[in-house]
Amino acid sequence: MIINLNVILTNYQPTHPHIMTEEVNPPNPKYGDEANPSVNRIPKRWITTKRMYKDSLMQKLNECIESRYHRILNEVKKLLADEATIVFERDYRSDNTESSFALHAFLSNSFYFYIECNYVFQYQVEYAFNNCKYEAEIRKLLDNYTFTDRATEISLSPTYNDFYRNVLTYQSKSFIYVLKA
């Protein structure tokens, strides 16, 4: 039996918030219209996790974390909708063009929320605030859920505002919209 272990790991982004602001390669006709062909990328981690750990405690915990992430996100959107702000939101579950680890990302001018399946097959959540008038309410939402050991507050670089502008500049307009009530 021959196993091809020629896996390209160059797409791993340990500081993944940059994945949303990196300039993508120009489209290559060899790969169709896709700017960053996923042919040489490692498979989506959440799919690998689901196959490897089917019906395990870890998989159930991952599903619980993802479910809670989306419940919190829905509540956050309700709060932020009063501001009529421009947001970036992207479901990466079936999209391997930027990251094999990302599941979902949400970014407004005041709140960042991101979930991924890391290298050890665990879902983790990251969040950041930027002069968010609903920070106390959102922190309470985060604290009320039991995945706090898998949620980390981070600082976006170079600054939150620069990161926000870069995302709006580099990401496809199909993932950017005005969040309003």
Foldseek 3Di string as FASTA:
>chain_A
DDDDPPADPPLDDPPPLCLLQDAFAQADVVQPRQRADCPRHDAQLLVVLCVVQPPHPQNVVQVVVVVLLVVLVVVVLVVCQAVQWKKFKDACCPPPRRHSWWGIWIDTLFKTWTWTQDPVRHIAIEMEGDPDPCVVVSVVSVVVDDCVVRYYYDADPPHSNVSRVSSVVRDDCVRMDTRHD
